[in-house]
Amino acid sequence: MRCYTFQNGAFDPDRYAPGREIPPEELPAGSVLILGGFDGVHRGHRALFDAALSAARCPDSPTTLPVVCWSLSGLHRACLTTEDEKRFFFRLYGASAAVFEDFGAIRSLSGEAFFREILVKRLRPSTLVCGFNFTFGCGASCGPDDLVRLSEKAGIRAVVCPPVTDGGEVISSTRIRALIADGQTEEAARLMGHPYPVSADVCPGRRIGRTIGRPTLNQRLPDGKLAPPRGVYASLTLLTPENGGSLCLAPSVSNLGSRPTVNEDGDDVTLETHVLGADLSGSFRTRRPHLVVWLGEFLRPERKFDSLDELKAAIAADTEAARLPISRLLGLDSACAVPWTADDLLL
């Protein structure tokens, strides 16, 4: 069990992710505890946060109960959001702390044992909030009705949220994973309520981009992160001015793939991002060796070109093709509203 607090500006000094790790006993007792897997932290999950924040408000009192988000780790091999990324969204949506439970550590517990040993004894909530499809206990043997029953016996309030639908279908992590795997990143972003994030360390490249006037920031997708199709994407990159000013979102174009024009190893896959109009060696820099890139529209599949001149021309064309999708990412296209603001994408 890994626990983080977001209070008092707590920030992980080695990552972009918010929060400071704390021992479980320092978690606030009497909290409103949200339960779920939260892969993608999508609009359906957002409804759980809204319900928790409502339950946290004390009638006739300015006091607000702390909201803690409990999430499973190690459940999906192809996840939409890493722990670092989840921490960002948990704080953004109003949680004051987060708990990450390793699936392997609790998978053999019965539903009653999980409720008693993990929820009641270790996390000590006053209210539990879950979705309509939340399961717990060995073999997913228990569901929301069981949570309500056990909570009533323990004197804990339980809130079960109904599904959130879009286009007549339930918004789910499974649905969004299928969209990402198919390259439908804009539709996936609409269901998530935010673009698809890639939060990972910057890795060294061969600096070929600099020789053709297109320097890039390079990353490898984190282990377990769902990879969208190889190719070129409109994107936004989180940068901070060299003088230490505020973080900003820089328009960018990103290529996910093995760079076949200059690399024969088809398994050597990186995300290479060219930031438009920013001098990465001068006025702007990444805040740390860790970088956040938000992927927008899929522009084209990866291709092998016959020369660097052809590659350079293709990159110029990609830049032009990315301008309108980038304006949509920033919420500047009045014809295509997005369910986030640019400020939501700043850490």
Protein backbone atom coordinates (compact mmCIF):
# COMPACT_ATOMS: atom_id res chain seq x y z
CA MET A 1 0.00 0.00 0.00
CA ARG A 2 1.43 3.36 -1.10
CA CYS A 3 -0.15 6.51 0.27
CA TYR A 4 0.25 10.13 -0.82
CA THR A 5 -0.99 13.42 0.54
CA PHE A 6 -1.75 16.38 -1.72
CA GLN A 7 -2.24 18.88 1.10
CA ASN A 8 -0.10 21.95 1.74
CA GLY A 9 1.29 21.95 -1.78
CA ALA A 10 2.91 18.52 -1.36
CA PHE A 11 4.86 17.62 -4.48
CA ASP A 12 7.01 14.68 -5.45
CA PRO A 13 10.42 16.28 -6.02
CA ASP A 14 11.48 13.73 -8.64
CA ARG A 15 8.34 13.64 -10.79
CA TYR A 16 5.74 15.90 -12.26
CA ALA A 17 3.18 14.02 -10.18
CA PRO A 18 1.75 15.80 -7.15
CA GLY A 19 1.87 14.40 -3.67
CA ARG A 20 4.26 13.39 -0.93
CA GLU A 21 4.42 9.76 0.16
CA ILE A 22 3.24 9.13 3.71
CA PRO A 23 2.75 6.01 5.87
CA PRO A 24 -0.83 4.65 5.94
CA GLU A 25 -1.31 5.66 9.57
CA GLU A 26 -0.98 9.32 8.56
CA LEU A 27 -4.02 9.13 6.30
CA PRO A 28 -6.90 11.18 7.72
CA ALA A 29 -9.46 9.16 9.66
CA GLY A 30 -13.14 9.76 8.99
CA SER A 31 -12.54 10.52 5.33
CA VAL A 32 -14.81 10.10 2.34
CA LEU A 33 -13.10 7.20 0.57
CA ILE A 34 -13.58 6.71 -3.19
CA LEU A 35 -13.02 3.14 -4.42
CA GLY A 36 -12.14 2.06 -7.95
CA GLY A 37 -9.56 1.06 -10.51
CA PHE A 38 -9.64 4.53 -12.15
CA ASP A 39 -7.82 3.53 -15.31
CA GLY A 40 -8.04 6.57 -17.58
CA VAL A 41 -9.67 8.64 -14.80
CA HIS A 42 -12.55 9.27 -17.21
CA ARG A 43 -15.86 11.14 -17.03
CA GLY A 44 -17.55 8.18 -15.35
CA HIS A 45 -14.91 8.31 -12.61
CA ARG A 46 -15.39 12.09 -12.36
CA ALA A 47 -18.96 11.42 -11.20
CA LEU A 48 -17.55 9.51 -8.22
CA PHE A 49 -15.41 12.51 -7.26
CA ASP A 50 -18.43 14.80 -7.55
CA ALA A 51 -20.44 12.49 -5.26
CA ALA A 52 -17.55 12.29 -2.78
CA LEU A 53 -17.10 16.06 -2.64
CA SER A 54 -20.84 16.43 -2.03
CA ALA A 55 -20.71 13.85 0.78
CA ALA A 56 -17.70 15.60 2.29
CA ARG A 57 -19.59 18.82 2.88
CA CYS A 58 -20.94 18.95 6.43
CA PRO A 59 -24.42 20.54 6.73
CA ASP A 60 -24.56 23.74 8.81
CA SER A 61 -20.79 23.73 9.22
CA PRO A 62 -17.84 25.15 7.29
CA THR A 63 -15.99 21.89 7.95
CA THR A 64 -15.27 19.67 4.95
CA LEU A 65 -14.22 16.05 5.34
CA PRO A 66 -11.06 14.96 3.53
CA VAL A 67 -11.56 13.00 0.31
CA VAL A 68 -9.20 10.04 -0.21
CA CYS A 69 -9.02 8.05 -3.43
CA TRP A 70 -8.22 4.32 -3.24
CA SER A 71 -7.02 2.70 -6.46
CA LEU A 72 -5.71 -0.69 -7.54
CA SER A 73 -2.31 -1.06 -9.16
CA GLY A 74 -1.04 -3.95 -11.26
CA LEU A 75 -4.46 -4.89 -12.57
CA HIS A 76 -3.98 -4.04 -16.25
CA ARG A 77 -0.95 -4.76 -18.40
CA ALA A 78 -2.05 -2.11 -20.91
CA CYS A 79 -3.12 0.78 -18.71
CA LEU A 80 -4.44 4.16 -19.82
CA THR A 81 -2.92 5.99 -16.85
CA THR A 82 0.14 5.29 -14.71
CA GLU A 83 0.22 5.96 -10.97
CA ASP A 84 1.95 9.31 -11.56
CA GLU A 85 -0.78 10.31 -13.99
CA LYS A 86 -3.55 9.16 -11.65
CA ARG A 87 -2.13 11.27 -8.85
CA PHE A 88 -2.35 14.35 -11.05
CA PHE A 89 -6.03 13.71 -11.85
CA PHE A 90 -6.93 12.73 -8.28
CA ARG A 91 -5.64 16.05 -7.00
CA LEU A 92 -7.23 17.97 -9.89
CA TYR A 93 -10.64 16.46 -9.14
CA GLY A 94 -10.54 17.28 -5.43
CA ALA A 95 -8.87 14.46 -3.48
CA SER A 96 -6.61 15.41 -0.59
CA ALA A 97 -4.85 12.02 -0.51
CA ALA A 98 -4.46 8.85 -2.57
CA VAL A 99 -3.90 5.19 -1.79
CA PHE A 100 -2.50 2.68 -4.29
CA GLU A 101 -3.08 -0.96 -3.39
CA ASP A 102 -1.16 -3.67 -5.21
CA PHE A 103 -3.62 -6.14 -6.67
CA GLY A 104 -1.37 -9.09 -5.92
CA ALA A 105 -1.34 -8.25 -2.21
CA ILE A 106 -5.13 -8.44 -1.79
CA ARG A 107 -6.33 -10.77 -4.55
CA SER A 108 -6.73 -13.73 -2.17
CA LEU A 109 -8.77 -11.81 0.44
CA SER A 110 -12.46 -12.57 0.73
CA GLY A 111 -14.82 -9.64 0.33
CA GLU A 112 -15.48 -9.45 4.07
CA ALA A 113 -11.76 -9.69 4.89
CA PHE A 114 -10.97 -6.88 2.42
CA PHE A 115 -13.70 -4.72 3.91
CA ARG A 116 -12.66 -5.42 7.50
CA GLU A 117 -8.85 -5.43 7.24
CA ILE A 118 -8.20 -2.88 4.49
CA LEU A 119 -11.09 -0.47 4.52
CA VAL A 120 -12.19 -0.36 8.16
CA LYS A 121 -8.99 -1.05 10.09
CA ARG A 122 -6.40 0.62 7.87
CA LEU A 123 -8.26 3.41 6.06
CA ARG A 124 -10.95 4.25 8.68
CA PRO A 125 -13.48 6.07 6.47
CA SER A 126 -16.79 7.64 7.47
CA THR A 127 -18.21 7.29 3.94
CA LEU A 128 -17.48 4.98 1.01
CA VAL A 129 -18.18 5.95 -2.61
CA CYS A 130 -18.04 3.49 -5.51
CA GLY A 131 -19.40 2.97 -8.99
CA PHE A 132 -22.18 0.67 -10.12
CA ASN A 133 -19.69 -1.95 -11.32
CA PHE A 134 -17.18 -1.93 -8.45
CA THR A 135 -16.13 -5.41 -7.34
CA PHE A 136 -13.95 -6.64 -4.49
CA GLY A 137 -12.96 -9.87 -2.80
CA CYS A 138 -11.29 -12.96 -4.22
CA GLY A 139 -12.52 -13.64 -7.74
CA ALA A 140 -14.47 -10.34 -7.75
CA SER A 141 -17.05 -12.16 -5.62
CA CYS A 142 -18.59 -9.03 -4.09
CA GLY A 143 -20.22 -5.96 -5.61
CA PRO A 144 -21.89 -2.68 -4.62
CA ASP A 145 -24.81 -4.38 -2.82
CA ASP A 146 -22.32 -6.25 -0.63
CA LEU A 147 -20.44 -3.03 0.08
CA VAL A 148 -23.69 -1.35 1.19
CA ARG A 149 -24.58 -4.33 3.41
CA LEU A 150 -21.17 -4.48 5.09
CA SER A 151 -21.09 -0.69 5.50
CA GLU A 152 -24.46 -0.64 7.25
CA LYS A 153 -23.22 -3.22 9.76
CA ALA A 154 -20.07 -1.16 10.40
CA GLY A 155 -21.92 2.15 10.74
CA ILE A 156 -20.33 3.57 7.59
CA ARG A 157 -22.29 5.43 4.94
CA ALA A 158 -22.06 3.97 1.41
CA VAL A 159 -22.85 5.80 -1.85
CA VAL A 160 -23.15 3.88 -5.12
CA CYS A 161 -23.02 5.99 -8.29
CA PRO A 162 -24.94 5.02 -11.44
CA PRO A 163 -23.20 4.64 -14.82
CA VAL A 164 -22.39 7.67 -16.96
CA THR A 165 -23.30 7.17 -20.61
CA ASP A 166 -22.37 8.80 -23.89
CA GLY A 167 -24.10 8.00 -27.16
CA GLY A 168 -26.21 5.40 -25.37
CA GLU A 169 -23.15 3.46 -24.16
CA VAL A 170 -21.55 3.38 -20.73
CA ILE A 171 -18.28 5.30 -20.51
CA SER A 172 -15.77 2.70 -19.38
CA SER A 173 -12.03 2.13 -19.35
CA THR A 174 -12.53 -0.87 -21.65
CA ARG A 175 -14.32 1.28 -24.22
CA ILE A 176 -11.59 3.93 -24.08
CA ARG A 177 -8.77 1.38 -24.37
CA ALA A 178 -10.30 0.11 -27.59
CA LEU A 179 -10.43 3.66 -28.98
CA ILE A 180 -6.79 4.38 -28.07
CA ALA A 181 -5.63 1.10 -29.59
CA ASP A 182 -7.48 2.03 -32.79
CA GLY A 183 -5.92 5.49 -32.98
CA GLN A 184 -9.17 7.30 -32.16
CA THR A 185 -7.44 9.54 -29.63
CA GLU A 186 -9.80 12.51 -29.99
CA GLU A 187 -12.89 10.41 -29.28
CA ALA A 188 -11.08 8.76 -26.37
CA ALA A 189 -10.17 12.21 -25.01
CA ARG A 190 -13.80 13.30 -25.18
CA LEU A 191 -14.87 10.30 -23.09
CA MET A 192 -11.99 10.68 -20.64
CA GLY A 193 -12.47 14.43 -20.26
CA HIS A 194 -8.80 15.04 -21.05
CA PRO A 195 -6.28 14.13 -23.79
CA TYR A 196 -4.23 10.95 -23.57
CA PRO A 197 -1.19 11.64 -21.34
CA VAL A 198 2.33 10.29 -21.66
CA SER A 199 4.31 11.05 -18.51
CA ALA A 200 7.80 9.60 -18.70
CA ASP A 201 11.50 10.35 -18.37
CA VAL A 202 13.31 12.07 -21.21
CA CYS A 203 15.79 9.69 -22.84
CA PRO A 204 18.78 10.52 -25.07
CA GLY A 205 18.36 10.33 -28.83
CA ARG A 206 20.72 10.36 -31.80
CA ARG A 207 20.19 14.14 -32.33
CA ILE A 208 19.32 13.61 -35.97
CA GLY A 209 16.37 15.97 -35.61
CA ARG A 210 18.72 18.82 -34.81
CA THR A 211 20.57 18.31 -38.11
CA ILE A 212 17.36 19.00 -40.06
CA GLY A 213 16.12 21.82 -37.83
CA ARG A 214 13.60 19.67 -35.93
CA PRO A 215 15.04 18.91 -32.47
CA THR A 216 12.97 16.52 -30.39
CA LEU A 217 12.38 15.52 -26.79
CA ASN A 218 12.41 11.73 -26.59
CA GLN A 219 10.61 9.35 -24.23
CA ARG A 220 9.91 5.67 -23.90
CA LEU A 221 6.39 4.75 -22.88
CA PRO A 222 6.29 3.54 -19.26
CA ASP A 223 6.08 -0.20 -18.72
CA GLY A 224 2.46 -1.28 -18.88
CA LYS A 225 1.26 1.88 -20.64
CA LEU A 226 -1.12 1.23 -23.54
CA ALA A 227 0.63 2.22 -26.77
CA PRO A 228 -1.54 3.90 -29.40
CA PRO A 229 -0.80 3.08 -33.06
CA ARG A 230 2.61 4.07 -34.35
CA GLY A 231 2.58 7.34 -36.21
CA VAL A 232 2.33 11.12 -35.89
CA TYR A 233 0.10 12.97 -33.44
CA ALA A 234 -0.80 16.57 -32.75
CA SER A 235 0.19 17.19 -29.13
CA LEU A 236 0.80 19.60 -26.28
CA THR A 237 3.99 19.51 -24.20
CA LEU A 238 4.38 20.83 -20.67
CA LEU A 239 7.31 23.25 -20.42
CA THR A 240 8.52 25.90 -18.02
CA PRO A 241 10.49 29.05 -18.88
CA GLU A 242 14.22 28.93 -18.17
CA ASN A 243 13.82 31.88 -15.79
CA GLY A 244 11.61 29.80 -13.51
CA GLY A 245 8.25 31.25 -14.53
CA SER A 246 4.94 29.44 -14.71
CA LEU A 247 4.45 26.16 -16.50
CA CYS A 248 2.97 26.46 -19.97
CA LEU A 249 1.52 24.22 -22.66
CA ALA A 250 3.55 24.32 -25.85
CA PRO A 251 2.06 23.20 -29.20
CA SER A 252 3.97 20.20 -30.51
CA VAL A 253 3.97 17.30 -32.94
CA SER A 254 4.85 13.82 -31.65
CA ASN A 255 5.90 10.66 -33.45
CA LEU A 256 5.51 7.27 -31.81
CA GLY A 257 7.55 4.58 -33.49
CA SER A 258 10.92 3.12 -34.37
CA ARG A 259 12.06 5.94 -36.73
CA PRO A 260 12.49 3.56 -39.72
CA THR A 261 14.14 6.21 -41.93
CA VAL A 262 17.19 6.31 -39.64
CA ASN A 263 16.83 3.15 -37.52
CA GLU A 264 16.65 -0.52 -38.56
CA ASP A 265 15.54 -1.84 -35.15
CA GLY A 266 11.77 -2.08 -35.42
CA ASP A 267 11.43 -2.85 -31.72
CA ASP A 268 13.23 0.33 -30.62
CA VAL A 269 10.10 2.42 -30.07
CA THR A 270 10.16 5.96 -28.67
CA LEU A 271 7.88 8.97 -28.55
CA GLU A 272 9.74 11.87 -30.18
CA THR A 273 8.17 15.29 -29.71
CA HIS A 274 9.08 18.41 -31.67
CA VAL A 275 7.94 21.52 -29.80
CA LEU A 276 6.77 24.22 -32.20
CA GLY A 277 8.34 27.64 -31.81
CA ALA A 278 10.33 26.87 -28.65
CA ASP A 279 14.09 26.98 -28.30
CA LEU A 280 14.65 23.99 -26.01
CA SER A 281 18.25 24.96 -25.42
CA GLY A 282 17.42 28.55 -24.50
CA SER A 283 14.20 30.22 -23.39
CA PHE A 284 12.37 27.03 -22.46
CA ARG A 285 13.32 23.78 -20.84
CA THR A 286 11.59 20.78 -19.38
CA ARG A 287 10.99 21.20 -15.69
CA ARG A 288 12.87 18.03 -14.85
CA PRO A 289 14.16 15.03 -16.78
CA HIS A 290 10.50 13.91 -16.57
CA LEU A 291 8.18 15.15 -19.32
CA VAL A 292 4.42 15.23 -19.87
CA VAL A 293 3.04 15.12 -23.40
CA TRP A 294 -0.71 15.20 -24.15
CA LEU A 295 -1.53 13.34 -27.37
CA GLY A 296 -4.25 14.70 -29.64
CA GLU A 297 -5.39 13.69 -33.11
CA PHE A 298 -3.66 10.85 -34.94
CA LEU A 299 -2.36 12.51 -38.13
CA ARG A 300 -0.78 9.68 -40.10
CA PRO A 301 0.90 6.26 -39.71
CA GLU A 302 4.66 5.99 -39.38
CA ARG A 303 6.52 5.81 -42.70
CA LYS A 304 10.01 5.09 -43.93
CA PHE A 305 11.37 7.82 -46.23
CA ASP A 306 14.10 7.49 -48.82
CA SER A 307 16.09 10.45 -47.54
CA LEU A 308 16.36 12.99 -44.73
CA ASP A 309 15.10 15.65 -47.14
CA GLU A 310 11.89 13.67 -47.65
CA LEU A 311 11.60 13.23 -43.89
CA LYS A 312 12.07 16.96 -43.35
CA ALA A 313 9.36 17.76 -45.90
CA ALA A 314 6.97 15.31 -44.23
CA ILE A 315 7.60 16.88 -40.83
CA ALA A 316 6.79 20.31 -42.29
CA ALA A 317 3.53 18.91 -43.67
CA ASP A 318 2.75 17.28 -40.31
CA THR A 319 3.26 20.63 -38.59
CA GLU A 320 0.70 22.29 -40.84
CA ALA A 321 -1.74 19.39 -40.43
CA ALA A 322 -1.42 19.61 -36.63
CA ARG A 323 -2.43 23.27 -36.28
CA LEU A 324 -6.21 22.79 -36.18
CA PRO A 325 -6.07 19.69 -33.92
CA ILE A 326 -3.75 21.62 -31.56
CA SER A 327 -6.27 24.48 -31.40
CA ARG A 328 -8.89 21.90 -30.38
CA LEU A 329 -6.60 20.55 -27.67
CA LEU A 330 -6.26 24.09 -26.31
CA GLY A 331 -10.03 24.60 -26.42
CA LEU A 332 -9.71 27.36 -29.04
CA ASP A 333 -11.89 25.80 -31.74
CA SER A 334 -15.43 27.10 -31.14
CA ALA A 335 -16.82 24.52 -33.57
CA CYS A 336 -15.51 21.63 -31.47
CA ALA A 337 -15.85 22.15 -27.71
CA VAL A 338 -13.75 19.96 -25.40
CA PRO A 339 -14.60 18.92 -21.82
CA TRP A 340 -11.45 20.46 -20.32
CA THR A 341 -9.65 23.79 -20.14
CA ALA A 342 -6.00 24.46 -20.88
CA ASP A 343 -5.49 25.11 -17.15
CA ASP A 344 -6.65 21.55 -16.42
CA LEU A 345 -3.61 20.28 -18.32
CA LEU A 346 -1.10 22.22 -16.22
CA LEU A 347 0.46 20.50 -13.22
